[in-house]
């Protein structure tokens, strides 16, 4: 099926169409809240072009370009008539249509609301619905002959900001429309601020979001992008489409952490928490606040159980590590090492469980004795298991830590006869 007529043909068709009255009229609120009574026309299904600047598909477009760098960064912007770009956009919309059940909906429902087109025939509102109708009509033109022509409002010439305001207002209406993914919304807001010169006041008026809310959404997006970069999947936004809450938690914890070195370690652990540990149901993101709360014991365990390579931190590492502390810098690098991920996940879970158990038993008078008895039992087991093939790495560091704890306990005994 043709995904939109060529521009000259569309312009000629629209020019002739607007010279006669529509099938009926429909009120439309736009251009600063004005209510206008506009004609609704029947247009061929193949005539409209998708709007490539569709806010809902911004993240999927960026991901496509990241996966297909040969098309160029400006693939969706350099030529709004480019057939190849519209074919890809059609594929993106088909995935949304399939995910949201629009095919099933339109199998038994006719068009209820007219599409809205700009004066050049690009769809301002209804890209997904148009895609669903095209899919059904192409599969069975006889059964879905009623989609051969669709109802559409043709907007008079206007600037892009008027269209943005209209798009935002229409998204707030209850309908079968899919909500923006959180990444698509954040990307759209960032583009409006950084590339199109929208002020915070403009965005507040259009999207009903304050400057702090916009800044927070963009900051969370940037965390997601850094995570994807570190995992070798730049702009693969579909990998984090369900992780907005986890990233919000990580953002909050990072803001509450004072040391740059600890922030770099917490960020590495937080990114690790986005991943599903081997053999475990669910994800670790629910424990990000607990990772922050118990960061110091987690750091100590990781220091003793991971092999840390001394590094000479330089400018190239600043973005990754964010720390002048060479010890924490080494640890941050080790935490980002794929070979250590499963072990670190085990350490994190073990420390959190131990800390939670300790907290529950803190008021128990026999708690200290029970823990010392438990440690003694484990040390006896370790001693009996020693042999020529036993791993030696890390044992000395653990023994040093145990010795320090023993000295502190003996001091307590001496001061509390």
Protein backbone atom coordinates (compact mmCIF):
# COMPACT_ATOMS: atom_id res chain seq x y z
CA UNK A 1 0.00 0.00 0.00
CA UNK A 2 1.16 3.52 -0.79
CA UNK A 3 2.12 5.31 2.44
CA UNK A 4 1.03 8.78 1.38
CA UNK A 5 0.74 10.39 -2.04
CA UNK A 6 3.62 12.52 -3.38
CA UNK A 7 3.54 16.10 -2.14
CA UNK A 8 2.38 17.75 -5.43
CA UNK A 9 -0.52 15.32 -5.71
CA UNK A 10 -1.51 15.85 -2.06
CA UNK A 11 -1.38 19.62 -2.39
CA UNK A 12 -3.50 19.59 -5.54
CA UNK A 13 -6.04 17.25 -3.96
CA UNK A 14 -6.30 19.31 -0.75
CA UNK A 15 -6.59 22.58 -2.68
CA UNK A 16 -9.56 21.22 -4.65
CA UNK A 17 -11.08 19.60 -1.55
CA UNK A 18 -11.14 22.84 0.43
CA UNK A 19 -13.12 24.60 -2.28
CA UNK A 20 -16.22 22.61 -1.41
CA UNK A 21 -18.05 22.01 1.88
CA UNK A 22 -17.20 18.99 3.98
CA UNK A 23 -19.42 16.05 4.84
CA UNK A 24 -20.03 17.57 8.28
CA UNK A 25 -18.36 19.95 10.75
CA UNK A 26 -16.51 19.35 13.97
CA UNK A 27 -15.38 21.75 16.73
CA UNK A 28 -11.67 21.88 17.41
CA UNK A 29 -9.96 23.72 20.25
CA UNK A 30 -6.48 24.89 19.29
CA UNK A 31 -4.28 27.94 18.65
CA UNK A 32 -4.29 29.20 22.23
CA UNK A 33 -7.64 27.72 23.21
CA UNK A 34 -9.69 29.07 20.32
CA UNK A 35 -12.64 26.90 19.31
CA UNK A 36 -13.12 26.67 15.56
CA UNK A 37 -15.79 24.86 13.55
CA UNK A 38 -13.93 22.98 10.82
CA UNK A 39 -15.11 20.87 7.89
CA UNK A 40 -14.60 17.11 7.89
CA UNK A 41 -13.81 15.57 4.50
CA UNK A 42 -13.55 12.03 3.15
CA UNK A 43 -10.00 11.39 1.90
CA UNK A 44 -8.49 8.25 0.33
CA UNK A 45 -6.75 5.99 2.84
CA UNK A 46 -3.49 6.16 0.88
CA UNK A 47 -3.39 9.97 0.65
CA UNK A 48 -2.07 11.09 4.11
CA UNK A 49 1.56 10.93 5.12
CA UNK A 50 2.65 9.93 8.62
CA UNK A 51 4.03 12.74 10.76
CA UNK A 52 7.66 11.73 11.33
CA UNK A 53 7.93 14.28 14.16
CA UNK A 54 5.41 12.21 16.11
CA UNK A 55 6.23 12.55 19.81
CA UNK A 56 5.19 8.98 20.59
CA UNK A 57 7.71 7.44 18.22
CA UNK A 58 10.79 9.57 19.02
CA UNK A 59 12.45 6.91 21.17
CA UNK A 60 11.73 4.12 18.67
CA UNK A 61 13.16 6.26 15.85
CA UNK A 62 16.35 6.96 17.81
CA UNK A 63 16.69 3.26 18.56
CA UNK A 64 16.26 2.38 14.88
CA UNK A 65 19.00 4.81 13.88
CA UNK A 66 21.29 3.41 16.60
CA UNK A 67 20.74 -0.12 15.25
CA UNK A 68 21.13 0.99 11.61
CA UNK A 69 23.84 3.70 11.66
CA UNK A 70 24.20 3.45 7.88
CA UNK A 71 20.95 5.44 7.44
CA UNK A 72 22.41 8.52 9.17
CA UNK A 73 21.41 10.44 12.27
CA UNK A 74 19.05 12.65 10.27
CA UNK A 75 17.17 9.74 8.67
CA UNK A 76 13.77 10.88 10.01
CA UNK A 77 14.36 14.62 9.59
CA UNK A 78 16.35 15.30 6.42
CA UNK A 79 13.45 14.63 4.02
CA UNK A 80 9.90 14.38 5.36
CA UNK A 81 8.81 12.80 2.05
CA UNK A 82 11.46 10.03 2.06
CA UNK A 83 9.68 6.77 1.24
CA UNK A 84 12.19 4.63 3.15
CA UNK A 85 11.65 6.68 6.32
CA UNK A 86 7.88 6.30 6.01
CA UNK A 87 8.23 2.53 5.56
CA UNK A 88 10.24 2.35 8.78
CA UNK A 89 7.74 4.62 10.54
CA UNK A 90 4.94 2.32 9.36
CA UNK A 91 6.81 -0.61 10.92
CA UNK A 92 7.23 1.27 14.22
CA UNK A 93 3.53 2.11 14.27
CA UNK A 94 2.61 -1.51 13.45
CA UNK A 95 4.42 -2.65 16.59
CA UNK A 96 2.40 -0.15 18.63
CA UNK A 97 -0.82 -1.22 16.92
CA UNK A 98 -0.12 -4.89 17.66
CA UNK A 99 0.85 -4.16 21.26
CA UNK A 100 -2.24 -2.09 22.02
CA UNK A 101 -4.82 -4.25 20.28
CA UNK A 102 -5.94 -1.69 17.72
CA UNK A 103 -6.30 -4.30 14.99
CA UNK A 104 -8.80 -6.17 17.15
CA UNK A 105 -10.60 -2.91 17.91
CA UNK A 106 -11.02 -1.85 14.29
CA UNK A 107 -12.08 -5.31 13.15
CA UNK A 108 -15.42 -4.57 14.79
CA UNK A 109 -15.47 -0.76 15.01
CA UNK A 110 -15.63 1.90 12.35
CA UNK A 111 -13.89 5.26 12.52
CA UNK A 112 -15.49 7.39 15.25
CA UNK A 113 -13.23 10.46 15.28
CA UNK A 114 -11.82 12.20 12.19
CA UNK A 115 -8.11 12.29 11.60
CA UNK A 116 -6.47 15.71 11.77
CA UNK A 117 -4.13 16.61 8.92
CA UNK A 118 -2.01 19.69 8.41
CA UNK A 119 -2.38 21.72 5.21
CA UNK A 120 0.21 19.50 3.45
CA UNK A 121 -1.53 16.22 4.29
CA UNK A 122 0.65 15.04 7.21
CA UNK A 123 -1.22 13.33 10.05
CA UNK A 124 -1.22 15.51 13.17
CA UNK A 125 -3.44 13.20 15.18
CA UNK A 126 -4.24 9.57 14.39
CA UNK A 127 -1.00 8.02 13.09
CA UNK A 128 -1.58 4.72 14.89
CA UNK A 129 -5.24 4.52 13.90
CA UNK A 130 -4.32 5.22 10.28
CA UNK A 131 -1.71 2.45 10.41
CA UNK A 132 -4.25 -0.05 11.81
CA UNK A 133 -6.81 0.81 9.12
CA UNK A 134 -4.19 0.46 6.40
CA UNK A 135 -3.16 -2.94 7.72
CA UNK A 136 -6.76 -4.21 7.74
CA UNK A 137 -7.62 -2.75 4.35
CA UNK A 138 -4.49 -4.16 2.77
CA UNK A 139 -5.23 -7.62 4.21
CA UNK A 140 -8.88 -7.69 3.13
CA UNK A 141 -10.09 -4.75 1.02
CA UNK A 142 -13.56 -6.24 0.58
CA UNK A 143 -14.33 -6.78 4.27
CA UNK A 144 -12.85 -3.44 5.28
CA UNK A 145 -14.01 -1.42 2.28
CA UNK A 146 -15.31 1.25 4.69
CA UNK A 147 -11.68 2.16 5.41
CA UNK A 148 -11.02 2.89 1.72
CA UNK A 149 -11.86 6.51 2.52
CA UNK A 150 -11.45 8.03 5.98
CA UNK A 151 -12.77 11.19 7.61
CA UNK A 152 -10.24 13.97 8.16
CA UNK A 153 -10.05 17.60 9.19
CA UNK A 154 -7.61 19.68 7.14
CA UNK A 155 -5.97 22.39 9.26
CA UNK A 156 -5.21 25.79 7.77
CA UNK A 157 -1.50 26.72 7.52
CA UNK A 158 -0.02 27.20 10.99
CA UNK A 159 3.32 27.05 12.79
CA UNK A 160 4.78 23.97 14.46
CA UNK A 161 4.02 25.25 17.96
CA UNK A 162 0.30 25.39 17.24
CA UNK A 163 0.48 21.75 16.12
CA UNK A 164 2.45 20.80 19.25
CA UNK A 165 -0.18 22.42 21.45
CA UNK A 166 -2.96 20.66 19.57
CA UNK A 167 -1.20 17.29 19.82
CA UNK A 168 -0.71 17.75 23.57
CA UNK A 169 -4.34 18.77 24.15
CA UNK A 170 -5.64 15.78 22.21
CA UNK A 171 -3.52 13.36 24.21
CA UNK A 172 -5.36 14.39 27.36
CA UNK A 173 -8.73 13.30 25.94
CA UNK A 174 -9.96 9.80 26.87
CA UNK A 175 -9.77 7.57 23.82
CA UNK A 176 -8.25 4.37 22.55
CA UNK A 177 -4.97 6.26 22.25
CA UNK A 178 -1.80 4.82 23.73
CA UNK A 179 0.05 6.89 26.31
CA UNK A 180 3.54 8.11 25.51
CA UNK A 181 6.32 5.85 26.71
CA UNK A 182 8.33 7.65 29.37
CA UNK A 183 11.42 7.70 27.12
CA UNK A 184 9.47 9.14 24.16
CA UNK A 185 8.03 11.88 26.37
CA UNK A 186 11.43 12.80 27.83
CA UNK A 187 13.09 12.81 24.39
CA UNK A 188 10.33 15.04 23.04
CA UNK A 189 10.74 17.50 25.92
CA UNK A 190 14.52 17.60 25.47
CA UNK A 191 14.19 18.20 21.73
CA UNK A 192 11.75 21.04 22.31
CA UNK A 193 14.12 22.75 24.77
CA UNK A 194 17.48 22.12 23.13
CA UNK A 195 16.73 22.01 19.40
CA UNK A 196 13.55 23.98 18.87
CA UNK A 197 14.05 26.83 21.35
CA UNK A 198 11.00 26.22 23.52
CA UNK A 199 11.18 27.98 26.88
CA UNK A 200 10.10 26.37 30.16
CA UNK A 201 7.07 28.66 30.06
CA UNK A 202 6.16 27.37 26.59
CA UNK A 203 6.42 23.76 27.75
CA UNK A 204 4.42 24.47 30.89
CA UNK A 205 1.61 25.94 28.82
CA UNK A 206 1.62 23.13 26.25
CA UNK A 207 2.30 20.08 28.42
CA UNK A 208 1.26 21.30 31.88
CA UNK A 209 4.66 20.45 33.35
CA UNK A 210 6.75 22.72 35.57
CA UNK A 211 10.49 23.34 34.96
CA UNK A 212 11.52 20.98 37.79
CA UNK A 213 9.36 18.17 36.40
CA UNK A 214 10.83 18.64 32.94
CA UNK A 215 14.38 18.75 34.31
CA UNK A 216 13.76 15.57 36.32
CA UNK A 217 12.37 13.67 33.33
CA UNK A 218 15.35 14.65 31.19
CA UNK A 219 17.82 13.77 33.99
CA UNK A 220 16.28 10.29 34.32
CA UNK A 221 16.48 9.86 30.54
CA UNK A 222 20.18 10.76 30.66
CA UNK A 223 20.75 8.11 33.36
CA UNK A 224 19.06 5.56 31.10
CA UNK A 225 21.20 6.63 28.16
CA UNK A 226 24.40 6.31 30.18
CA UNK A 227 23.32 2.84 31.35
CA UNK A 228 22.62 1.75 27.75
CA UNK A 229 25.99 3.16 26.61
CA UNK A 230 27.81 1.20 29.31
CA UNK A 231 26.00 -1.97 28.26
CA UNK A 232 26.94 -1.46 24.62
CA UNK A 233 23.36 -0.73 23.53
CA UNK A 234 23.25 3.05 22.93
CA UNK A 235 19.73 4.43 22.45
CA UNK A 236 18.11 0.99 22.68
CA UNK A 237 15.29 2.56 24.66
CA UNK A 238 13.09 -0.54 24.53
CA UNK A 239 15.51 -2.14 27.02
CA UNK A 240 14.50 0.39 29.69
CA UNK A 241 10.84 0.97 28.85
CA UNK A 242 9.79 -0.58 32.19
CA UNK A 243 12.62 0.88 34.28
CA UNK A 244 11.45 4.44 34.82
CA UNK A 245 10.61 3.80 38.49
CA UNK A 246 13.97 2.16 39.13
CA UNK A 247 15.80 5.06 37.49
CA UNK A 248 13.77 7.55 39.52
CA UNK A 249 14.88 5.72 42.67
CA UNK A 250 18.50 5.76 41.54
CA UNK A 251 18.33 9.46 40.67
CA UNK A 252 16.93 10.23 44.14
CA UNK A 253 19.60 8.17 45.91
CA UNK A 254 22.41 9.75 43.88
CA UNK A 255 21.20 13.23 44.84
CA UNK A 256 21.31 12.22 48.52
CA UNK A 257 24.87 10.80 48.31
CA UNK A 258 27.55 13.36 49.23
CA UNK A 259 30.80 11.80 48.01
CA UNK A 260 31.58 11.79 44.29
CA UNK A 261 33.37 8.48 44.73
CA UNK A 262 30.41 6.88 46.47
CA UNK A 263 28.10 8.25 43.78
CA UNK A 264 30.15 6.56 41.07
CA UNK A 265 29.95 3.24 42.95
CA UNK A 266 26.24 3.65 43.70
CA UNK A 267 25.55 4.41 40.05
CA UNK A 268 27.40 1.26 38.95
CA UNK A 269 25.47 -0.82 41.50
CA UNK A 270 22.21 0.84 40.47
CA UNK A 271 22.82 0.01 36.82
CA UNK A 272 23.57 -3.55 37.85
CA UNK A 273 20.27 -3.64 39.73
CA UNK A 274 18.42 -3.00 36.47
CA UNK A 275 19.50 -6.42 35.25
CA UNK A 276 17.94 -9.75 36.10
CA UNK A 277 20.31 -11.99 38.09
CA UNK A 278 20.80 -15.50 36.76
CA UNK A 279 18.21 -17.92 38.12
CA UNK A 280 16.24 -15.25 39.99
CA UNK A 281 12.71 -14.11 39.32
CA UNK A 282 12.08 -10.43 38.80
CA UNK A 283 14.62 -7.64 38.96
CA UNK A 284 16.70 -6.02 41.68
CA UNK A 285 15.43 -2.47 41.06
CA UNK A 286 13.16 -2.58 44.14
CA UNK A 287 16.27 -2.72 46.35
CA UNK A 288 18.01 0.39 44.96
CA UNK A 289 17.12 2.40 48.10
CA UNK A 290 18.46 -0.49 50.20
CA UNK A 291 21.67 -0.51 48.17
CA UNK A 292 22.05 3.17 48.97
CA UNK A 293 21.26 2.61 52.66
CA UNK A 294 23.80 -0.21 52.99
CA UNK A 295 26.37 1.15 50.56
CA UNK A 296 29.31 1.09 52.98
CA UNK A 297 29.08 -2.64 53.90
CA UNK A 298 28.46 -3.50 50.25
CA UNK A 299 31.57 -1.55 49.28
CA UNK A 300 33.63 -3.33 51.94
CA UNK A 301 32.47 -6.76 50.78
CA UNK A 302 33.16 -5.92 47.15
CA UNK A 303 36.62 -4.62 48.04
CA UNK A 304 37.57 -7.88 49.73
CA UNK A 305 35.96 -10.27 47.23
CA UNK A 306 36.71 -8.62 43.89
CA UNK A 307 40.08 -8.24 42.24
CA UNK A 308 40.69 -4.51 41.97
CA UNK A 309 43.22 -3.21 39.49
CA UNK A 310 45.06 0.01 40.44
CA UNK A 311 44.30 2.71 37.91
CA UNK A 312 45.70 6.11 37.10
CA UNK A 313 42.56 8.18 36.80
CA UNK A 314 42.66 10.71 34.01
CA UNK A 315 40.29 13.02 32.21
CA UNK A 316 39.03 10.20 29.99
CA UNK A 317 37.80 8.33 33.06
CA UNK A 318 36.15 11.27 34.79
CA UNK A 319 32.79 10.77 33.09
CA UNK A 320 32.73 7.09 34.00
CA UNK A 321 34.01 7.33 37.55
CA UNK A 322 33.24 10.82 38.77
CA UNK A 323 35.72 10.32 41.61
CA UNK A 324 39.15 11.49 42.69
CA UNK A 325 39.36 8.56 45.16
CA UNK A 326 41.54 5.97 43.36
CA UNK A 327 40.25 3.14 45.58
CA UNK A 328 36.61 3.85 44.76
CA UNK A 329 37.56 4.47 41.15
CA UNK A 330 39.08 0.99 40.95
CA UNK A 331 35.98 -0.45 42.54
CA UNK A 332 33.66 1.39 40.10
CA UNK A 333 35.62 -0.10 37.17
CA UNK A 334 35.40 -3.58 38.70
CA UNK A 335 31.65 -3.25 39.23
CA UNK A 336 31.24 -2.38 35.53
CA UNK A 337 33.19 -5.48 34.49
CA UNK A 338 30.74 -8.05 33.01
CA UNK A 339 32.79 -10.88 34.54
CA UNK A 340 31.97 -9.59 38.04
CA UNK A 341 28.25 -8.89 37.62
CA UNK A 342 26.84 -12.16 38.91
CA UNK A 343 29.19 -12.14 41.90
CA UNK A 344 28.34 -8.53 42.75
CA UNK A 345 24.60 -9.29 42.55
CA UNK A 346 25.14 -12.11 45.05
CA UNK A 347 27.11 -9.80 47.35
CA UNK A 348 24.43 -7.11 47.21
CA UNK A 349 21.66 -9.55 48.08
CA UNK A 350 23.69 -11.17 50.84
CA UNK A 351 24.63 -7.85 52.47
CA UNK A 352 21.07 -6.53 52.33
CA UNK A 353 19.64 -9.73 53.79
CA UNK A 354 22.27 -9.75 56.53
CA UNK A 355 21.70 -6.11 57.38
CA UNK A 356 17.93 -6.61 57.47
CA UNK A 357 18.31 -9.65 59.72
CA UNK A 358 20.64 -7.71 62.00
CA UNK A 359 18.16 -4.85 62.20
CA UNK A 360 15.33 -7.19 63.16
CA UNK A 361 17.40 -8.73 65.92
CA UNK A 362 19.08 -5.55 67.12
CA UNK A 363 17.07 -5.42 70.33
CA UNK A 364 17.58 -9.09 71.11
CA UNK A 365 19.92 -9.38 74.15
CA UNK A 366 21.41 -12.59 72.76
CA UNK A 367 21.87 -11.22 69.26
CA UNK A 368 25.62 -10.53 69.57
CA UNK A 369 26.27 -13.94 71.12
CA UNK A 370 24.26 -15.75 68.43
CA UNK A 371 26.15 -13.97 65.64
CA UNK A 372 29.54 -14.71 67.23
CA UNK A 373 28.54 -18.35 67.67
CA UNK A 374 27.46 -18.47 64.03
CA UNK A 375 30.76 -16.90 62.91
CA UNK A 376 32.74 -19.37 64.99
CA UNK A 377 30.86 -22.29 63.44
CA UNK A 378 31.56 -21.02 59.93
CA UNK A 379 35.25 -20.45 60.72
CA UNK A 380 35.56 -24.02 62.05
CA UNK A 381 33.95 -25.29 58.85
CA UNK A 382 36.32 -23.18 56.77
CA UNK A 383 39.36 -24.44 58.69
CA UNK A 384 38.38 -28.10 58.19
CA UNK A 385 37.86 -27.49 54.46
CA UNK A 386 41.35 -26.08 53.86
CA UNK A 387 43.41 -28.05 51.38
CA UNK A 388 46.03 -27.69 48.63
CA UNK A 389 43.42 -26.70 46.05
CA UNK A 390 41.57 -24.16 48.25
CA UNK A 391 41.28 -20.63 46.82
CA UNK A 392 43.66 -18.25 48.60
CA UNK A 393 42.58 -15.01 46.95
CA UNK A 394 40.77 -12.74 49.41
CA UNK A 395 41.38 -14.86 52.51
CA UNK A 396 43.98 -12.53 54.01
CA UNK A 397 41.74 -9.48 53.59
CA UNK A 398 38.84 -11.26 55.29
CA UNK A 399 41.08 -12.42 58.15
CA UNK A 400 42.33 -8.88 58.66
CA UNK A 401 38.75 -7.63 58.88
CA UNK A 402 37.84 -10.43 61.28
CA UNK A 403 40.86 -9.63 63.43
CA UNK A 404 39.80 -5.97 63.66
CA UNK A 405 36.30 -7.02 64.74
CA UNK A 406 37.73 -9.43 67.33
CA UNK A 407 39.87 -6.70 68.86
CA UNK A 408 36.86 -4.38 69.14
CA UNK A 409 34.75 -7.12 70.76
CA UNK A 410 37.53 -7.90 73.27
CA UNK A 411 37.75 -4.19 74.17
CA UNK A 412 33.99 -4.17 74.74
CA UNK A 413 34.28 -7.24 77.01
CA UNK A 414 37.05 -5.60 79.00
CA UNK A 415 35.02 -2.42 79.48
CA UNK A 416 31.83 -4.31 80.35
CA UNK A 417 32.88 -6.98 82.96
